[in-house]
N, C-alpha and C. Protein backbone atom coordinates (compact mmCIF):
# COMPACT_ATOMS: atom_id res chain seq x y z
N UNK A 1 153.10 172.56 111.06
CA UNK A 1 153.37 171.36 110.34
C UNK A 1 153.98 171.78 109.00
N UNK A 2 154.99 171.06 108.64
CA UNK A 2 155.71 171.38 107.41
C UNK A 2 155.13 170.58 106.27
N UNK A 3 155.54 170.92 105.11
CA UNK A 3 155.02 170.26 103.93
C UNK A 3 155.34 168.77 103.92
N UNK A 4 156.57 168.32 104.27
CA UNK A 4 156.82 166.88 104.29
C UNK A 4 155.98 166.18 105.35
N UNK A 5 155.77 166.81 106.48
CA UNK A 5 154.96 166.19 107.53
C UNK A 5 153.50 166.11 107.09
N UNK A 6 153.01 167.14 106.43
CA UNK A 6 151.64 167.14 105.94
C UNK A 6 151.47 166.07 104.88
N UNK A 7 152.48 165.96 104.00
CA UNK A 7 152.42 164.94 102.97
C UNK A 7 152.39 163.56 103.61
N UNK A 8 153.21 163.31 104.61
CA UNK A 8 153.26 162.02 105.29
C UNK A 8 151.92 161.74 105.98
N UNK A 9 151.35 162.79 106.57
CA UNK A 9 150.07 162.63 107.24
C UNK A 9 148.98 162.29 106.21
N UNK A 10 148.97 162.98 105.08
CA UNK A 10 147.98 162.71 104.05
C UNK A 10 148.17 161.31 103.48
N UNK A 11 149.41 160.89 103.21
CA UNK A 11 149.69 159.55 102.69
C UNK A 11 149.28 158.48 103.71
N UNK A 12 149.52 158.75 104.96
CA UNK A 12 149.14 157.81 106.01
C UNK A 12 147.62 157.68 106.06
N UNK A 13 146.92 158.81 105.97
CA UNK A 13 145.46 158.79 106.00
C UNK A 13 144.92 158.03 104.79
N UNK A 14 145.52 158.32 103.60
CA UNK A 14 145.07 157.63 102.40
C UNK A 14 145.34 156.13 102.52
N UNK A 15 146.53 155.76 103.00
CA UNK A 15 146.86 154.34 103.17
C UNK A 15 145.91 153.69 104.17
N UNK A 16 145.57 154.41 105.23
CA UNK A 16 144.63 153.89 106.22
C UNK A 16 143.27 153.64 105.62
N UNK A 17 142.79 154.59 104.78
CA UNK A 17 141.50 154.41 104.12
C UNK A 17 141.55 153.27 103.12
N UNK A 18 142.67 153.15 102.41
CA UNK A 18 142.81 152.07 101.43
C UNK A 18 142.81 150.71 102.13
N UNK A 19 143.50 150.62 103.25
CA UNK A 19 143.57 149.35 104.00
C UNK A 19 142.26 149.12 104.75
N UNK A 20 141.65 150.16 105.27
CA UNK A 20 140.43 150.02 106.08
C UNK A 20 139.29 149.45 105.26
N UNK A 21 139.18 149.81 103.99
CA UNK A 21 138.09 149.33 103.15
C UNK A 21 138.04 147.81 103.09
N UNK A 22 139.13 147.15 102.67
CA UNK A 22 139.12 145.69 102.66
C UNK A 22 138.97 145.08 104.05
N UNK A 23 139.55 145.72 105.06
CA UNK A 23 139.43 145.18 106.43
C UNK A 23 137.97 145.20 106.88
N UNK A 24 137.27 146.30 106.60
CA UNK A 24 135.85 146.38 106.96
C UNK A 24 135.06 145.33 106.18
N UNK A 25 135.41 145.16 104.91
CA UNK A 25 134.75 144.17 104.09
C UNK A 25 134.99 142.76 104.62
N UNK A 26 136.22 142.48 105.01
CA UNK A 26 136.55 141.15 105.57
C UNK A 26 135.77 140.91 106.85
N UNK A 27 135.72 141.91 107.73
CA UNK A 27 134.98 141.77 108.99
C UNK A 27 133.49 141.57 108.69
N UNK A 28 132.95 142.31 107.74
CA UNK A 28 131.54 142.14 107.37
C UNK A 28 131.30 140.73 106.83
N UNK A 29 132.17 140.27 105.93
CA UNK A 29 132.04 138.93 105.37
C UNK A 29 132.13 137.86 106.47
N UNK A 30 133.05 138.02 107.42
CA UNK A 30 133.18 137.07 108.53
C UNK A 30 131.89 137.05 109.36
N UNK A 31 131.30 138.20 109.59
CA UNK A 31 130.04 138.26 110.33
C UNK A 31 128.93 137.54 109.56
N UNK A 32 128.88 137.73 108.23
CA UNK A 32 127.89 137.05 107.42
C UNK A 32 128.11 135.53 107.43
N UNK A 33 129.36 135.10 107.35
CA UNK A 33 129.67 133.66 107.42
C UNK A 33 129.22 133.10 108.76
N UNK A 34 129.48 133.84 109.84
CA UNK A 34 129.07 133.40 111.18
C UNK A 34 127.56 133.24 111.25
N UNK A 35 126.83 134.23 110.72
CA UNK A 35 125.37 134.15 110.73
C UNK A 35 124.87 132.96 109.91
N UNK A 36 125.51 132.74 108.75
CA UNK A 36 125.11 131.62 107.89
C UNK A 36 125.36 130.29 108.57
N UNK A 37 126.54 130.15 109.19
CA UNK A 37 126.86 128.90 109.89
C UNK A 37 125.90 128.69 111.06
N UNK A 38 125.59 129.74 111.78
CA UNK A 38 124.65 129.63 112.91
C UNK A 38 123.26 129.24 112.42
N UNK A 39 122.82 129.83 111.32
CA UNK A 39 121.50 129.49 110.75
C UNK A 39 121.48 128.03 110.30
N UNK A 40 122.55 127.60 109.64
CA UNK A 40 122.64 126.21 109.19
C UNK A 40 122.62 125.25 110.38
N UNK A 41 123.35 125.60 111.43
CA UNK A 41 123.36 124.75 112.63
C UNK A 41 121.97 124.67 113.25
N UNK A 42 121.25 125.78 113.28
CA UNK A 42 119.88 125.77 113.81
C UNK A 42 118.97 124.91 112.95
N UNK A 43 119.11 125.01 111.62
CA UNK A 43 118.30 124.18 110.72
C UNK A 43 118.58 122.70 110.94
N UNK A 44 119.87 122.36 111.05
CA UNK A 44 120.24 120.95 111.27
C UNK A 44 119.66 120.47 112.59
N UNK A 45 119.76 121.29 113.62
CA UNK A 45 119.22 120.90 114.93
C UNK A 45 117.71 120.70 114.86
N UNK A 46 117.01 121.62 114.21
CA UNK A 46 115.55 121.50 114.10
C UNK A 46 115.16 120.28 113.28
N UNK A 47 115.86 120.04 112.18
CA UNK A 47 115.56 118.87 111.36
C UNK A 47 115.85 117.58 112.11
N UNK A 48 116.95 117.57 112.86
CA UNK A 48 117.30 116.38 113.65
C UNK A 48 116.24 116.10 114.71
N UNK A 49 115.77 117.15 115.35
CA UNK A 49 114.73 116.99 116.37
C UNK A 49 113.44 116.48 115.73
N UNK A 50 113.10 117.04 114.56
CA UNK A 50 111.88 116.61 113.86
C UNK A 50 112.00 115.14 113.45
N UNK A 51 113.13 114.75 112.88
CA UNK A 51 113.34 113.35 112.49
C UNK A 51 113.29 112.43 113.70
N UNK A 52 113.90 112.88 114.79
CA UNK A 52 113.89 112.06 116.01
C UNK A 52 112.46 111.85 116.48
N UNK A 53 111.65 112.89 116.44
CA UNK A 53 110.25 112.75 116.87
C UNK A 53 109.47 111.82 115.95
N UNK A 54 109.72 111.94 114.63
CA UNK A 54 109.02 111.07 113.68
C UNK A 54 109.42 109.62 113.90
N UNK A 55 110.73 109.35 114.04
CA UNK A 55 111.18 107.97 114.27
C UNK A 55 110.69 107.44 115.61
N UNK A 56 110.68 108.29 116.61
CA UNK A 56 110.19 107.86 117.92
C UNK A 56 108.72 107.46 117.83
N UNK A 57 107.93 108.26 117.12
CA UNK A 57 106.51 107.95 116.96
C UNK A 57 106.33 106.65 116.17
N UNK A 58 107.14 106.47 115.13
CA UNK A 58 107.04 105.24 114.32
C UNK A 58 107.42 104.02 115.15
N UNK A 59 108.51 104.12 115.90
CA UNK A 59 108.93 102.99 116.73
C UNK A 59 107.89 102.71 117.81
N UNK A 60 107.30 103.74 118.39
CA UNK A 60 106.29 103.54 119.41
C UNK A 60 105.07 102.86 118.81
N UNK A 61 104.68 103.29 117.61
CA UNK A 61 103.54 102.67 116.92
C UNK A 61 103.82 101.20 116.65
N UNK A 62 105.02 100.90 116.17
CA UNK A 62 105.40 99.50 115.90
C UNK A 62 105.39 98.70 117.19
N UNK A 63 105.95 99.25 118.25
CA UNK A 63 105.97 98.57 119.54
C UNK A 63 104.55 98.30 120.04
N UNK A 64 103.68 99.29 119.89
CA UNK A 64 102.28 99.11 120.31
C UNK A 64 101.60 98.01 119.51
N UNK A 65 101.84 98.00 118.20
CA UNK A 65 101.22 96.96 117.36
C UNK A 65 101.72 95.57 117.74
N UNK A 66 103.01 95.45 117.98
CA UNK A 66 103.57 94.15 118.38
C UNK A 66 102.99 93.73 119.72
N UNK A 67 102.91 94.67 120.65
CA UNK A 67 102.35 94.37 121.97
C UNK A 67 100.88 93.95 121.85
N UNK A 68 100.13 94.64 121.00
CA UNK A 68 98.72 94.27 120.80
C UNK A 68 98.61 92.87 120.19
N UNK A 69 99.48 92.56 119.23
CA UNK A 69 99.46 91.24 118.60
C UNK A 69 99.79 90.15 119.62
N UNK A 70 100.78 90.41 120.47
CA UNK A 70 101.14 89.44 121.51
C UNK A 70 99.96 89.22 122.45
N UNK A 71 99.30 90.30 122.84
CA UNK A 71 98.12 90.18 123.73
C UNK A 71 97.01 89.38 123.06
N UNK A 72 96.80 89.60 121.76
CA UNK A 72 95.78 88.84 121.05
C UNK A 72 96.13 87.36 121.01
N UNK A 73 97.40 87.04 120.75
CA UNK A 73 97.81 85.63 120.72
C UNK A 73 97.68 84.99 122.10
N UNK A 74 97.99 85.76 123.14
CA UNK A 74 97.81 85.23 124.50
C UNK A 74 96.33 84.96 124.77
N UNK A 75 95.46 85.87 124.33
CA UNK A 75 94.02 85.66 124.49
C UNK A 75 93.56 84.42 123.73
N UNK A 76 94.06 84.24 122.52
CA UNK A 76 93.72 83.05 121.72
C UNK A 76 94.19 81.79 122.44
N UNK A 77 95.40 81.85 122.98
CA UNK A 77 95.92 80.69 123.72
C UNK A 77 95.06 80.35 124.92
N UNK A 78 94.63 81.37 125.66
CA UNK A 78 93.75 81.13 126.81
C UNK A 78 92.40 80.57 126.36
N UNK A 79 91.88 81.08 125.24
CA UNK A 79 90.59 80.59 124.73
C UNK A 79 90.72 79.12 124.31
N UNK A 80 91.82 78.79 123.65
CA UNK A 80 92.03 77.39 123.24
C UNK A 80 92.18 76.51 124.47
N UNK A 81 92.92 76.99 125.46
CA UNK A 81 93.09 76.21 126.70
C UNK A 81 91.75 76.00 127.38
N UNK A 82 90.92 77.05 127.40
CA UNK A 82 89.60 76.92 128.02
C UNK A 82 88.73 75.93 127.24
N UNK A 83 88.84 75.95 125.91
CA UNK A 83 88.03 75.05 125.09
C UNK A 83 88.51 73.61 125.23
N UNK A 84 89.80 73.41 125.35
CA UNK A 84 90.36 72.06 125.41
C UNK A 84 90.30 71.48 126.82
N UNK A 85 90.22 72.32 127.81
CA UNK A 85 90.25 71.87 129.20
C UNK A 85 89.20 70.81 129.50
N UNK A 86 87.93 70.98 129.11
CA UNK A 86 86.94 69.92 129.38
C UNK A 86 87.30 68.62 128.66
N UNK A 87 87.80 68.74 127.44
CA UNK A 87 88.18 67.53 126.70
C UNK A 87 89.34 66.84 127.41
N UNK A 88 90.31 67.63 127.85
CA UNK A 88 91.46 67.09 128.56
C UNK A 88 91.00 66.40 129.85
N UNK A 89 90.10 67.05 130.58
CA UNK A 89 89.58 66.44 131.81
C UNK A 89 88.79 65.17 131.50
N UNK A 90 87.97 65.22 130.44
CA UNK A 90 87.20 64.05 130.04
C UNK A 90 88.12 62.90 129.64
N UNK A 91 89.18 63.21 128.90
CA UNK A 91 90.13 62.16 128.51
C UNK A 91 90.83 61.59 129.74
N UNK A 92 91.11 62.44 130.70
CA UNK A 92 91.73 61.94 131.94
C UNK A 92 90.82 60.96 132.64
N UNK A 93 89.54 61.29 132.70
CA UNK A 93 88.56 60.39 133.33
C UNK A 93 88.45 59.11 132.51
N UNK A 94 88.40 59.23 131.17
CA UNK A 94 88.29 58.04 130.32
C UNK A 94 89.50 57.14 130.49
N UNK A 95 90.69 57.74 130.54
CA UNK A 95 91.91 56.94 130.74
C UNK A 95 91.86 56.24 132.10
N UNK A 96 91.38 56.94 133.09
CA UNK A 96 91.25 56.34 134.43
C UNK A 96 90.26 55.17 134.40
N UNK A 97 89.14 55.35 133.69
CA UNK A 97 88.14 54.28 133.59
C UNK A 97 88.70 53.07 132.83
N UNK A 98 89.42 53.34 131.73
CA UNK A 98 90.03 52.24 130.97
C UNK A 98 91.03 51.50 131.84
N UNK A 99 91.79 52.24 132.62
CA UNK A 99 92.74 51.59 133.53
C UNK A 99 92.00 50.73 134.55
N UNK A 100 90.90 51.24 135.09
CA UNK A 100 90.10 50.45 136.05
C UNK A 100 89.53 49.20 135.38
N UNK A 101 89.04 49.35 134.15
CA UNK A 101 88.49 48.19 133.43
C UNK A 101 89.59 47.16 133.19
N UNK A 102 90.76 47.63 132.80
CA UNK A 102 91.87 46.69 132.57
C UNK A 102 92.20 45.94 133.86
N UNK A 103 92.21 46.66 134.97
CA UNK A 103 92.49 46.00 136.25
C UNK A 103 91.41 44.96 136.57
N UNK A 104 90.14 45.29 136.31
CA UNK A 104 89.05 44.34 136.55
C UNK A 104 89.16 43.13 135.63
N UNK A 105 89.51 43.38 134.36
CA UNK A 105 89.67 42.27 133.41
C UNK A 105 90.81 41.37 133.87
N UNK A 106 91.89 41.95 134.33
CA UNK A 106 93.02 41.14 134.82
C UNK A 106 92.60 40.33 136.05
N UNK A 107 91.81 40.95 136.92
CA UNK A 107 91.33 40.23 138.11
C UNK A 107 90.42 39.08 137.70
N UNK A 108 89.50 39.33 136.75
CA UNK A 108 88.61 38.27 136.26
C UNK A 108 89.43 37.18 135.58
N UNK A 109 90.41 37.57 134.80
CA UNK A 109 91.28 36.62 134.12
C UNK A 109 92.01 35.74 135.15
N UNK A 110 92.51 36.36 136.19
CA UNK A 110 93.19 35.59 137.24
C UNK A 110 92.23 34.63 137.94
N UNK A 111 91.01 35.10 138.19
CA UNK A 111 90.02 34.22 138.84
C UNK A 111 89.68 33.04 137.93
N UNK A 112 89.52 33.32 136.63
CA UNK A 112 89.23 32.23 135.69
C UNK A 112 90.39 31.25 135.65
N UNK A 113 91.57 31.78 135.57
CA UNK A 113 92.75 30.92 135.51
C UNK A 113 92.85 30.07 136.78
N UNK A 114 92.66 30.72 137.93
CA UNK A 114 92.71 29.98 139.19
C UNK A 114 91.59 28.92 139.25
N UNK A 115 90.40 29.28 138.75
CA UNK A 115 89.28 28.33 138.75
C UNK A 115 89.59 27.13 137.87
N UNK A 116 90.21 27.39 136.70
CA UNK A 116 90.56 26.29 135.79
C UNK A 116 91.64 25.43 136.42
N UNK A 117 92.55 26.05 137.08
CA UNK A 117 93.62 25.30 137.73
C UNK A 117 93.06 24.40 138.82
N UNK A 118 92.06 24.85 139.53
CA UNK A 118 91.46 24.04 140.59
C UNK A 118 90.72 22.85 139.99
N UNK A 119 90.08 23.04 138.84
CA UNK A 119 89.31 21.98 138.22
C UNK A 119 90.27 20.91 137.68
N UNK A 120 91.35 21.28 137.14
CA UNK A 120 92.27 20.32 136.54
C UNK A 120 93.10 19.60 137.56
N UNK A 121 93.14 19.96 138.74
CA UNK A 121 93.94 19.28 139.76
C UNK A 121 93.23 18.16 140.33
């Protein structure tokens, strides 16, 4: 190898080392950015899952409370219906009796009217 060739080889090696340093640094930095982005994505996923579970539990609790309240109101409605049922039945009988009395009064009234008509003729 001659002196110009050796010089070219040394300059090439030096240029390679000069360029390799920043290239290695860039590759290292890119790897660190990748790890950071991956870690951030994992954190976001975990937080999203945690929030989803919290909201799901809250919505389920609210749904259960509403369902329990509806069941209580239905029970109250049935209790009121049970309490009013005898009164409703009694009123039905009373209305039936009043209707029967009215019919009897009308029959008596007709008999009286017919009796008066017979006397006046």
